[in-house]
Each structure stands twice: as structure tokens, then as C-alpha cells.
PDB file of all heavy atoms in Angstrom:
ATOM      1  N   SER A   1     101.027 104.372  93.861  1.00  0.00           N
ATOM      2  CA  SER A   1     101.763 105.304  93.004  1.00  0.00           C
ATOM      3  C   SER A   1     102.989 105.900  93.675  1.00  0.00           C
ATOM      4  O   SER A   1     103.831 106.490  93.006  1.00  0.00           O
ATOM      5  CB  SER A   1     100.834 106.440  92.552  1.00  0.00           C
ATOM      6  OG  SER A   1     100.324 107.143  93.681  1.00  0.00           O
ATOM      7  N   GLN A   2     103.100 105.771  95.000  1.00  0.00           N
ATOM      8  CA  GLN A   2     104.222 106.377  95.700  1.00  0.00           C
ATOM      9  C   GLN A   2     104.513 105.592  96.972  1.00  0.00           C
ATOM     10  O   GLN A   2     103.688 104.783  97.418  1.00  0.00           O
ATOM     11  CB  GLN A   2     103.916 107.830  96.050  1.00  0.00           C
ATOM     12  CG  GLN A   2     102.674 108.024  96.901  1.00  0.00           C
ATOM     13  CD  GLN A   2     102.346 109.493  97.103  1.00  0.00           C
ATOM     14  OE1 GLN A   2     103.046 110.371  96.621  1.00  0.00           O
ATOM     15  NE2 GLN A   2     101.270 109.766  97.825  1.00  0.00           N
ATOM     16  N   PRO A   3     105.687 105.784  97.562  1.00  0.00           N
ATOM     17  CA  PRO A   3     106.044 105.045  98.789  1.00  0.00           C
ATOM     18  C   PRO A   3     105.099 105.370  99.941  1.00  0.00           C
ATOM     19  O   PRO A   3     104.364 106.352  99.918  1.00  0.00           O
ATOM     20  CB  PRO A   3     107.475 105.522  99.085  1.00  0.00           C
ATOM     21  CG  PRO A   3     107.973 106.068  97.794  1.00  0.00           C
ATOM     22  CD  PRO A   3     106.790 106.631  97.086  1.00  0.00           C
ATOM     23  N   PHE A   4     105.144 104.536 100.953  1.00  0.00           N
ATOM     24  CA  PHE A   4     104.307 104.737 102.135  1.00  0.00           C
ATOM     25  C   PHE A   4     104.798 105.941 102.938  1.00  0.00           C
ATOM     26  O   PHE A   4     105.957 106.360 102.842  1.00  0.00           O
ATOM     27  CB  PHE A   4     104.316 103.493 103.017  1.00  0.00           C
ATOM     28  CG  PHE A   4     103.746 102.280 102.335  1.00  0.00           C
ATOM     29  CD1 PHE A   4     104.420 101.065 102.350  1.00  0.00           C
ATOM     30  CD2 PHE A   4     102.535 102.352 101.671  1.00  0.00           C
ATOM     31  CE1 PHE A   4     103.910  99.954 101.719  1.00  0.00           C
ATOM     32  CE2 PHE A   4     102.006 101.236 101.033  1.00  0.00           C
ATOM     33  CZ  PHE A   4     102.691 100.033 101.053  1.00  0.00           C
ATOM     34  N   ASN A   5     103.921 106.451 103.775  1.00  0.00           N
ATOM     35  CA  ASN A   5     104.205 107.629 104.601  1.00  0.00           C
ATOM     36  C   ASN A   5     104.318 107.201 106.054  1.00  0.00           C
ATOM     37  O   ASN A   5     103.433 106.517 106.583  1.00  0.00           O
ATOM     38  CB  ASN A   5     103.072 108.656 104.423  1.00  0.00           C
ATOM     39  CG  ASN A   5     103.419 109.998 105.048  1.00  0.00           C
ATOM     40  OD1 ASN A   5     104.337 110.100 105.854  1.00  0.00           O
ATOM     41  ND2 ASN A   5     102.686 111.031 104.661  1.00  0.00           N
ATOM     42  N   ALA A   6     105.402 107.592 106.716  1.00  0.00           N
ATOM     43  CA  ALA A   6     105.622 107.225 108.109  1.00  0.00           C
ATOM     44  C   ALA A   6     105.289 108.350 109.077  1.00  0.00           C
ATOM     45  O   ALA A   6     105.514 108.218 110.276  1.00  0.00           O
ATOM     46  CB  ALA A   6     107.081 106.794 108.312  1.00  0.00           C
ATOM     47  N   SER A   7     104.750 109.444 108.576  1.00  0.00           N
ATOM     48  CA  SER A   7     104.498 110.599 109.453  1.00  0.00           C
ATOM     49  C   SER A   7     103.424 110.311 110.504  1.00  0.00           C
ATOM     50  O   SER A   7     103.390 110.958 111.543  1.00  0.00           O
ATOM     51  CB  SER A   7     104.086 111.819 108.616  1.00  0.00           C
ATOM     52  OG  SER A   7     102.894 111.548 107.890  1.00  0.00           O
ATOM     53  N   ASP A   8     102.542 109.329 110.243  1.00  0.00           N
ATOM     54  CA  ASP A   8     101.477 109.009 111.194  1.00  0.00           C
ATOM     55  C   ASP A   8     101.876 107.929 112.192  1.00  0.00           C
ATOM     56  O   ASP A   8     101.056 107.531 113.021  1.00  0.00           O
ATOM     57  CB  ASP A   8     100.226 108.548 110.436  1.00  0.00           C
ATOM     58  CG  ASP A   8      99.583 109.680 109.660  1.00  0.00           C
ATOM     59  OD1 ASP A   8      99.846 110.848 109.996  1.00  0.00           O
ATOM     60  OD2 ASP A   8      98.836 109.388 108.709  1.00  0.00           O
ATOM     61  N   CYS A   9     103.112 107.446 112.100  1.00  0.00           N
ATOM     62  CA  CYS A   9     103.548 106.369 112.998  1.00  0.00           C
ATOM     63  C   CYS A   9     103.511 106.833 114.455  1.00  0.00           C
ATOM     64  O   CYS A   9     104.017 107.916 114.788  1.00  0.00           O
ATOM     65  CB  CYS A   9     104.959 105.913 112.635  1.00  0.00           C
ATOM     66  SG  CYS A   9     105.043 104.962 111.108  1.00  0.00           S
ATOM     67  N   GLY A  10     102.907 106.007 115.296  1.00  0.00           N
ATOM     68  CA  GLY A  10     102.781 106.348 116.709  1.00  0.00           C
ATOM     69  C   GLY A  10     101.621 107.259 117.007  1.00  0.00           C
ATOM     70  O   GLY A  10     101.292 107.490 118.180  1.00  0.00           O
ATOM     71  N   ASP A  11     100.978 107.791 115.955  1.00  0.00           N
ATOM     72  CA  ASP A  11      99.840 108.693 116.124  1.00  0.00           C
ATOM     73  C   ASP A  11      98.564 108.042 115.608  1.00  0.00           C
ATOM     74  O   ASP A  11      97.581 107.883 116.328  1.00  0.00           O
ATOM     75  CB  ASP A  11     100.121 110.010 115.402  1.00  0.00           C
ATOM     76  CG  ASP A  11      99.007 111.021 115.574  1.00  0.00           C
ATOM     77  OD1 ASP A  11      98.208 110.875 116.527  1.00  0.00           O
ATOM     78  OD2 ASP A  11      98.934 111.973 114.776  1.00  0.00           O
ATOM     79  N   ARG A  12      98.588 107.639 114.330  1.00  0.00           N
ATOM     80  CA  ARG A  12      97.439 106.963 113.740  1.00  0.00           C
ATOM     81  C   ARG A  12      97.752 105.534 113.304  1.00  0.00           C
ATOM     82  O   ARG A  12      96.850 104.789 112.940  1.00  0.00           O
ATOM     83  CB  ARG A  12      96.944 107.752 112.519  1.00  0.00           C
ATOM     84  CG  ARG A  12      96.464 109.161 112.859  1.00  0.00           C
ATOM     85  CD  ARG A  12      96.000 109.873 111.600  1.00  0.00           C
ATOM     86  NE  ARG A  12      95.565 111.243 111.895  1.00  0.00           N
ATOM     87  CZ  ARG A  12      95.122 112.093 110.976  1.00  0.00           C
ATOM     88  NH1 ARG A  12      95.058 111.711 109.705  1.00  0.00           N
ATOM     89  NH2 ARG A  12      94.756 113.319 111.313  1.00  0.00           N
ATOM     90  N   LYS A  13      99.033 105.198 113.296  1.00  0.00           N
ATOM     91  CA  LYS A  13      99.463 103.865 112.875  1.00  0.00           C
ATOM     92  C   LYS A  13     100.348 103.241 113.944  1.00  0.00           C
ATOM     93  O   LYS A  13     101.068 103.944 114.664  1.00  0.00           O
ATOM     94  CB  LYS A  13     100.281 103.931 111.578  1.00  0.00           C
ATOM     95  CG  LYS A  13      99.571 104.457 110.352  1.00  0.00           C
ATOM     96  CD  LYS A  13     100.575 104.504 109.200  1.00  0.00           C
ATOM     97  CE  LYS A  13      99.960 105.041 107.927  1.00  0.00           C
ATOM     98  NZ  LYS A  13     100.959 105.136 106.839  1.00  0.00           N
ATOM     99  N   PHE A  14     100.309 101.916 114.013  1.00  0.00           N
ATOM    100  CA  PHE A  14     101.294 101.154 114.779  1.00  0.00           C
ATOM    101  C   PHE A  14     102.373 100.744 113.781  1.00  0.00           C
ATOM    102  O   PHE A  14     102.084 100.063 112.794  1.00  0.00           O
ATOM    103  CB  PHE A  14     100.652  99.924 115.407  1.00  0.00           C
ATOM    104  CG  PHE A  14     101.578  99.146 116.313  1.00  0.00           C
ATOM    105  CD1 PHE A  14     101.485  99.270 117.686  1.00  0.00           C
ATOM    106  CD2 PHE A  14     102.551  98.308 115.787  1.00  0.00           C
ATOM    107  CE1 PHE A  14     102.345  98.553 118.524  1.00  0.00           C
ATOM    108  CE2 PHE A  14     103.405  97.607 116.609  1.00  0.00           C
ATOM    109  CZ  PHE A  14     103.302  97.730 117.983  1.00  0.00           C
ATOM    110  N   CYS A  15     103.620 101.172 114.013  1.00  0.00           N
ATOM    111  CA  CYS A  15     104.687 100.954 113.034  1.00  0.00           C
ATOM    112  C   CYS A  15     105.849 100.178 113.622  1.00  0.00           C
ATOM    113  O   CYS A  15     106.188 100.332 114.805  1.00  0.00           O
ATOM    114  CB  CYS A  15     105.210 102.280 112.488  1.00  0.00           C
ATOM    115  SG  CYS A  15     103.988 103.247 111.577  1.00  0.00           S
ATOM    116  N   VAL A  16     106.451  99.371 112.773  1.00  0.00           N
ATOM    117  CA  VAL A  16     107.717  98.697 113.072  1.00  0.00           C
ATOM    118  C   VAL A  16     108.689  99.091 111.965  1.00  0.00           C
ATOM    119  O   VAL A  16     108.390  98.904 110.778  1.00  0.00           O
ATOM    120  CB  VAL A  16     107.553  97.166 113.106  1.00  0.00           C
ATOM    121  CG1 VAL A  16     108.877  96.507 113.471  1.00  0.00           C
ATOM    122  CG2 VAL A  16     106.467  96.759 114.084  1.00  0.00           C
ATOM    123  N   ARG A  17     109.845  99.630 112.360  1.00  0.00           N
ATOM    124  CA  ARG A  17     110.809 100.093 111.364  1.00  0.00           C
ATOM    125  C   ARG A  17     112.216  99.603 111.695  1.00  0.00           C
ATOM    126  O   ARG A  17     112.578  99.471 112.858  1.00  0.00           O
ATOM    127  CB  ARG A  17     110.814 101.625 111.287  1.00  0.00           C
ATOM    128  CG  ARG A  17     109.548 102.208 110.727  1.00  0.00           C
ATOM    129  CD  ARG A  17     109.722 103.676 110.380  1.00  0.00           C
ATOM    130  NE  ARG A  17     109.275 104.579 111.440  1.00  0.00           N
ATOM    131  CZ  ARG A  17     109.348 105.899 111.357  1.00  0.00           C
ATOM    132  NH1 ARG A  17     109.841 106.469 110.280  1.00  0.00           N
ATOM    133  NH2 ARG A  17     108.920 106.663 112.349  1.00  0.00           N
ATOM    134  N   ASN A  18     112.971  99.356 110.650  1.00  0.00           N
ATOM    135  CA  ASN A  18     114.369  98.968 110.793  1.00  0.00           C
ATOM    136  C   ASN A  18     115.172  99.537 109.617  1.00  0.00           C
ATOM    137  O   ASN A  18     114.883  99.189 108.466  1.00  0.00           O
ATOM    138  CB  ASN A  18     114.509  97.447 110.829  1.00  0.00           C
ATOM    139  CG  ASN A  18     115.954  96.994 110.925  1.00  0.00           C
ATOM    140  OD1 ASN A  18     116.442  96.315 110.040  1.00  0.00           O
ATOM    141  ND2 ASN A  18     116.638  97.362 111.980  1.00  0.00           N
ATOM    142  N   PRO A  19     116.134 100.444 109.853  1.00  0.00           N
ATOM    143  CA  PRO A  19     116.544 101.002 111.141  1.00  0.00           C
ATOM    144  C   PRO A  19     115.430 101.821 111.802  1.00  0.00           C
ATOM    145  O   PRO A  19     114.503 102.254 111.125  1.00  0.00           O
ATOM    146  CB  PRO A  19     117.731 101.905 110.775  1.00  0.00           C
ATOM    147  CG  PRO A  19     118.194 101.423 109.438  1.00  0.00           C
ATOM    148  CD  PRO A  19     116.966 100.941 108.738  1.00  0.00           C
ATOM    149  N   THR A  20     115.552 102.004 113.098  1.00  0.00           N
ATOM    150  CA  THR A  20     114.540 102.726 113.846  1.00  0.00           C
ATOM    151  C   THR A  20     114.340 104.129 113.272  1.00  0.00           C
ATOM    152  O   THR A  20     115.297 104.829 112.964  1.00  0.00           O
ATOM    153  CB  THR A  20     114.966 102.830 115.321  1.00  0.00           C
ATOM    154  OG1 THR A  20     115.245 101.516 115.806  1.00  0.00           O
ATOM    155  CG2 THR A  20     113.844 103.432 116.164  1.00  0.00           C
ATOM    156  N   HIS A  21     113.081 104.505 113.092  1.00  0.00           N
ATOM    157  CA  HIS A  21     112.686 105.835 112.607  1.00  0.00           C
ATOM    158  C   HIS A  21     113.165 106.109 111.177  1.00  0.00           C
ATOM    159  O   HIS A  21     113.282 107.267 110.774  1.00  0.00           O
ATOM    160  CB  HIS A  21     113.198 106.938 113.540  1.00  0.00           C
ATOM    161  CG  HIS A  21     112.761 106.774 114.956  1.00  0.00           C
ATOM    162  ND1 HIS A  21     111.440 106.615 115.319  1.00  0.00           N
ATOM    163  CD2 HIS A  21     113.467 106.736 116.120  1.00  0.00           C
ATOM    164  CE1 HIS A  21     111.355 106.480 116.639  1.00  0.00           C
ATOM    165  NE2 HIS A  21     112.564 106.554 117.139  1.00  0.00           N
ATOM    166  N   CYS A  22     113.452 105.061 110.398  1.00  0.00           N
ATOM    167  CA  CYS A  22     113.872 105.286 109.016  1.00  0.00           C
ATOM    168  C   CYS A  22     112.667 105.686 108.164  1.00  0.00           C
ATOM    169  O   CYS A  22     111.512 105.511 108.550  1.00  0.00           O
ATOM    170  CB  CYS A  22     114.540 104.037 108.452  1.00  0.00           C
ATOM    171  SG  CYS A  22     113.412 102.638 108.248  1.00  0.00           S
ATOM    172  N   ASP A  23     112.957 106.234 107.002  1.00  0.00           N
ATOM    173  CA  ASP A  23     111.924 106.692 106.081  1.00  0.00           C
ATOM    174  C   ASP A  23     111.638 105.590 105.061  1.00  0.00           C
ATOM    175  O   ASP A  23     112.557 105.138 104.366  1.00  0.00           O
ATOM    176  CB  ASP A  23     112.410 107.956 105.357  1.00  0.00           C
ATOM    177  CG  ASP A  23     111.334 108.590 104.479  1.00  0.00           C
ATOM    178  OD1 ASP A  23     110.307 107.935 104.236  1.00  0.00           O
ATOM    179  OD2 ASP A  23     111.543 109.733 104.046  1.00  0.00           O
ATOM    180  N   PRO A  24     110.398 105.120 104.940  1.00  0.00           N
ATOM    181  CA  PRO A  24     110.105 104.036 103.978  1.00  0.00           C
ATOM    182  C   PRO A  24     110.364 104.424 102.535  1.00  0.00           C
ATOM    183  O   PRO A  24     110.339 103.559 101.652  1.00  0.00           O
ATOM    184  CB  PRO A  24     108.616 103.745 104.225  1.00  0.00           C
ATOM    185  CG  PRO A  24     108.080 104.955 104.910  1.00  0.00           C
ATOM    186  CD  PRO A  24     109.216 105.514 105.707  1.00  0.00           C
ATOM    187  N   LYS A  25     110.616 105.689 102.269  1.00  0.00           N
ATOM    188  CA  LYS A  25     110.997 106.098 100.923  1.00  0.00           C
ATOM    189  C   LYS A  25     112.451 105.742 100.630  1.00  0.00           C
ATOM    190  O   LYS A  25     112.858 105.718  99.467  1.00  0.00           O
ATOM    191  CB  LYS A  25     110.810 107.610 100.757  1.00  0.00           C
ATOM    192  CG  LYS A  25     109.363 108.080 100.921  1.00  0.00           C
ATOM    193  CD  LYS A  25     109.266 109.590 100.800  1.00  0.00           C
ATOM    194  CE  LYS A  25     107.833 110.070 101.025  1.00  0.00           C
ATOM    195  NZ  LYS A  25     107.734 111.552 100.952  1.00  0.00           N
ATOM    196  N   ALA A  26     113.240 105.511 101.673  1.00  0.00           N
ATOM    197  CA  ALA A  26     114.654 105.182 101.499  1.00  0.00           C
ATOM    198  C   ALA A  26     114.795 103.710 101.142  1.00  0.00           C
ATOM    199  O   ALA A  26     113.994 102.869 101.556  1.00  0.00           O
ATOM    200  CB  ALA A  26     115.438 105.499 102.769  1.00  0.00           C
ATOM    201  N   ASN A  27     115.855 103.384 100.390  1.00  0.00           N
ATOM    202  CA  ASN A  27     115.999 102.006  99.938  1.00  0.00           C
ATOM    203  C   ASN A  27     116.774 101.132 100.923  1.00  0.00           C
ATOM    204  O   ASN A  27     117.254 100.068 100.559  1.00  0.00           O
ATOM    205  CB  ASN A  27     116.667 101.956  98.557  1.00  0.00           C
ATOM    206  CG  ASN A  27     118.009 102.656  98.540  1.00  0.00           C
ATOM    207  OD1 ASN A  27     118.625 102.844  99.585  1.00  0.00           O
ATOM    208  ND2 ASN A  27     118.467 103.047  97.366  1.00  0.00           N
ATOM    209  N   ASN A  28     116.919 101.586 102.167  1.00  0.00           N
ATOM    210  CA  ASN A  28     117.506 100.732 103.196  1.00  0.00           C
ATOM    211  C   ASN A  28     116.547 100.515 104.350  1.00  0.00           C
ATOM    212  O   ASN A  28     116.931 100.039 105.407  1.00  0.00           O
ATOM    213  CB  ASN A  28     118.806 101.344 103.727  1.00  0.00           C
ATOM    214  CG  ASN A  28     118.559 102.614 104.515  1.00  0.00           C
ATOM    215  OD1 ASN A  28     117.572 103.314 104.270  1.00  0.00           O
ATOM    216  ND2 ASN A  28     119.443 102.924 105.450  1.00  0.00           N
ATOM    217  N   CYS A  29     115.272 100.871 104.159  1.00  0.00           N
ATOM    218  CA  CYS A  29     114.317 100.888 105.264  1.00  0.00           C
ATOM    219  C   CYS A  29     113.315  99.744 105.135  1.00  0.00           C
ATOM    220  O   CYS A  29     112.661  99.584 104.098  1.00  0.00           O
ATOM    221  CB  CYS A  29     113.570 102.227 105.281  1.00  0.00           C
ATOM    222  SG  CYS A  29     112.409 102.395 106.655  1.00  0.00           S
ATOM    223  N   PHE A  30     113.197  98.940 106.187  1.00  0.00           N
ATOM    224  CA  PHE A  30     112.143  97.940 106.293  1.00  0.00           C
ATOM    225  C   PHE A  30     111.030  98.531 107.152  1.00  0.00           C
ATOM    226  O   PHE A  30     111.270  98.975 108.282  1.00  0.00           O
ATOM    227  CB  PHE A  30     112.674  96.651 106.912  1.00  0.00           C
ATOM    228  CG  PHE A  30     113.619  95.910 106.005  1.00  0.00           C
ATOM    229  CD1 PHE A  30     114.981  96.136 106.074  1.00  0.00           C
ATOM    230  CD2 PHE A  30     113.143  95.001 105.074  1.00  0.00           C
ATOM    231  CE1 PHE A  30     115.854  95.473 105.235  1.00  0.00           C
ATOM    232  CE2 PHE A  30     114.004  94.334 104.223  1.00  0.00           C
ATOM    233  CZ  PHE A  30     115.355  94.568 104.305  1.00  0.00           C
ATOM    234  N   PHE A  31     109.823  98.528 106.598  1.00  0.00           N
ATOM    235  CA  PHE A  31     108.713  99.275 107.188  1.00  0.00           C
ATOM    236  C   PHE A  31     107.480  98.388 107.240  1.00  0.00           C
ATOM    237  O   PHE A  31     107.157  97.677 106.283  1.00  0.00           O
ATOM    238  CB  PHE A  31     108.444 100.522 106.340  1.00  0.00           C
ATOM    239  CG  PHE A  31     107.243 101.317 106.765  1.00  0.00           C
ATOM    240  CD1 PHE A  31     107.308 102.198 107.834  1.00  0.00           C
ATOM    241  CD2 PHE A  31     106.029 101.188 106.089  1.00  0.00           C
ATOM    242  CE1 PHE A  31     106.209 102.934 108.218  1.00  0.00           C
ATOM    243  CE2 PHE A  31     104.927 101.922 106.463  1.00  0.00           C
ATOM    244  CZ  PHE A  31     105.015 102.799 107.532  1.00  0.00           C
ATOM    245  N   LEU A  32     106.792  98.427 108.376  1.00  0.00           N
ATOM    246  CA  LEU A  32     105.545  97.683 108.558  1.00  0.00           C
ATOM    247  C   LEU A  32     104.615  98.544 109.392  1.00  0.00           C
ATOM    248  O   LEU A  32     105.015  99.058 110.439  1.00  0.00           O
ATOM    249  CB  LEU A  32     105.826  96.355 109.266  1.00  0.00           C
ATOM    250  CG  LEU A  32     104.628  95.481 109.620  1.00  0.00           C
ATOM    251  CD1 LEU A  32     103.915  94.984 108.370  1.00  0.00           C
ATOM    252  CD2 LEU A  32     105.065  94.291 110.477  1.00  0.00           C
ATOM    253  N   SER A  33     103.372  98.702 108.935  1.00  0.00           N
ATOM    254  CA  SER A  33     102.424  99.524 109.687  1.00  0.00           C
ATOM    255  C   SER A  33     101.053  98.861 109.724  1.00  0.00           C
ATOM    256  O   SER A  33     100.676  98.117 108.805  1.00  0.00           O
ATOM    257  CB  SER A  33     102.315 100.930 109.079  1.00  0.00           C
ATOM    258  OG  SER A  33     101.610 100.896 107.856  1.00  0.00           O
ATOM    259  N   PHE A  34     100.318  99.144 110.809  1.00  0.00           N
ATOM    260  CA  PHE A  34      98.959  98.644 111.015  1.00  0.00           C
ATOM    261  C   PHE A  34      98.070  99.828 111.381  1.00  0.00           C
ATOM    262  O   PHE A  34      98.409 100.598 112.292  1.00  0.00           O
ATOM    263  CB  PHE A  34      98.914  97.609 112.140  1.00  0.00           C
ATOM    264  CG  PHE A  34      99.839  96.440 111.946  1.00  0.00           C
ATOM    265  CD1 PHE A  34     101.159  96.495 112.402  1.00  0.00           C
ATOM    266  CD2 PHE A  34      99.397  95.284 111.327  1.00  0.00           C
ATOM    267  CE1 PHE A  34     102.009  95.417 112.241  1.00  0.00           C
ATOM    268  CE2 PHE A  34     100.244  94.199 111.155  1.00  0.00           C
ATOM    269  CZ  PHE A  34     101.556  94.270 111.612  1.00  0.00           C
ATOM    270  N   LYS A  35      96.940  99.956 110.698  1.00  0.00           N
ATOM    271  CA  LYS A  35      96.006 101.037 110.978  1.00  0.00           C
ATOM    272  C   LYS A  35      94.585 100.477 111.014  1.00  0.00           C
ATOM    273  O   LYS A  35      94.108  99.910 110.026  1.00  0.00           O
ATOM    274  CB  LYS A  35      96.113 102.134 109.911  1.00  0.00           C
ATOM    275  CG  LYS A  35      95.217 103.337 110.177  1.00  0.00           C
ATOM    276  CD  LYS A  35      95.415 104.394 109.102  1.00  0.00           C
ATOM    277  CE  LYS A  35      94.531 105.611 109.354  1.00  0.00           C
ATOM    278  NZ  LYS A  35      94.713 106.646 108.307  1.00  0.00           N
ATOM    279  N   GLN A  36      93.927 100.619 112.167  1.00  0.00           N
ATOM    280  CA  GLN A  36      92.579 100.062 112.321  1.00  0.00           C
ATOM    281  C   GLN A  36      91.559 100.888 111.536  1.00  0.00           C
ATOM    282  O   GLN A  36      91.600 102.120 111.518  1.00  0.00           O
ATOM    283  CB  GLN A  36      92.182 100.014 113.796  1.00  0.00           C
ATOM    284  CG  GLN A  36      90.849  99.329 114.037  1.00  0.00           C
ATOM    285  CD  GLN A  36      90.531  99.151 115.512  1.00  0.00           C
ATOM    286  OE1 GLN A  36      91.323  99.561 116.380  1.00  0.00           O
ATOM    287  NE2 GLN A  36      89.386  98.544 115.824  1.00  0.00           N
ATOM    288  N   ASP A  37      90.644 100.183 110.898  1.00  0.00           N
ATOM    289  CA  ASP A  37      89.554 100.808 110.143  1.00  0.00           C
ATOM    290  C   ASP A  37      88.287  99.996 110.434  1.00  0.00           C
ATOM    291  O   ASP A  37      87.992  99.016 109.751  1.00  0.00           O
ATOM    292  CB  ASP A  37      89.885 100.807 108.654  1.00  0.00           C
ATOM    293  CG  ASP A  37      88.822 101.525 107.831  1.00  0.00           C
ATOM    294  OD1 ASP A  37      88.019 102.277 108.424  1.00  0.00           O
ATOM    295  OD2 ASP A  37      88.793 101.317 106.605  1.00  0.00           O
TER     296      ASP A  37
END
């Protein structure tokens, strides 16, 4: 229902972003995250 959240990157998620530290809510951001469960 809504864009992904990057606030947990480096804390609870392993993230890859381009541009670096961009917000996945923005339409210029490529975002990839991995979270173990």
C-alpha cells in the first residue's frame, strides 16, 4: 500500500541504494534491502 522504508537500513536491514542514502519514496531512487527472518 505504500513505498518501502529505509529507516532500518544498516540497523535491521542490509541495503543497497543508488544514489547513496536516497529515499525509496523518491522517483529517482533504486533501492534493494535484505532482512533475515
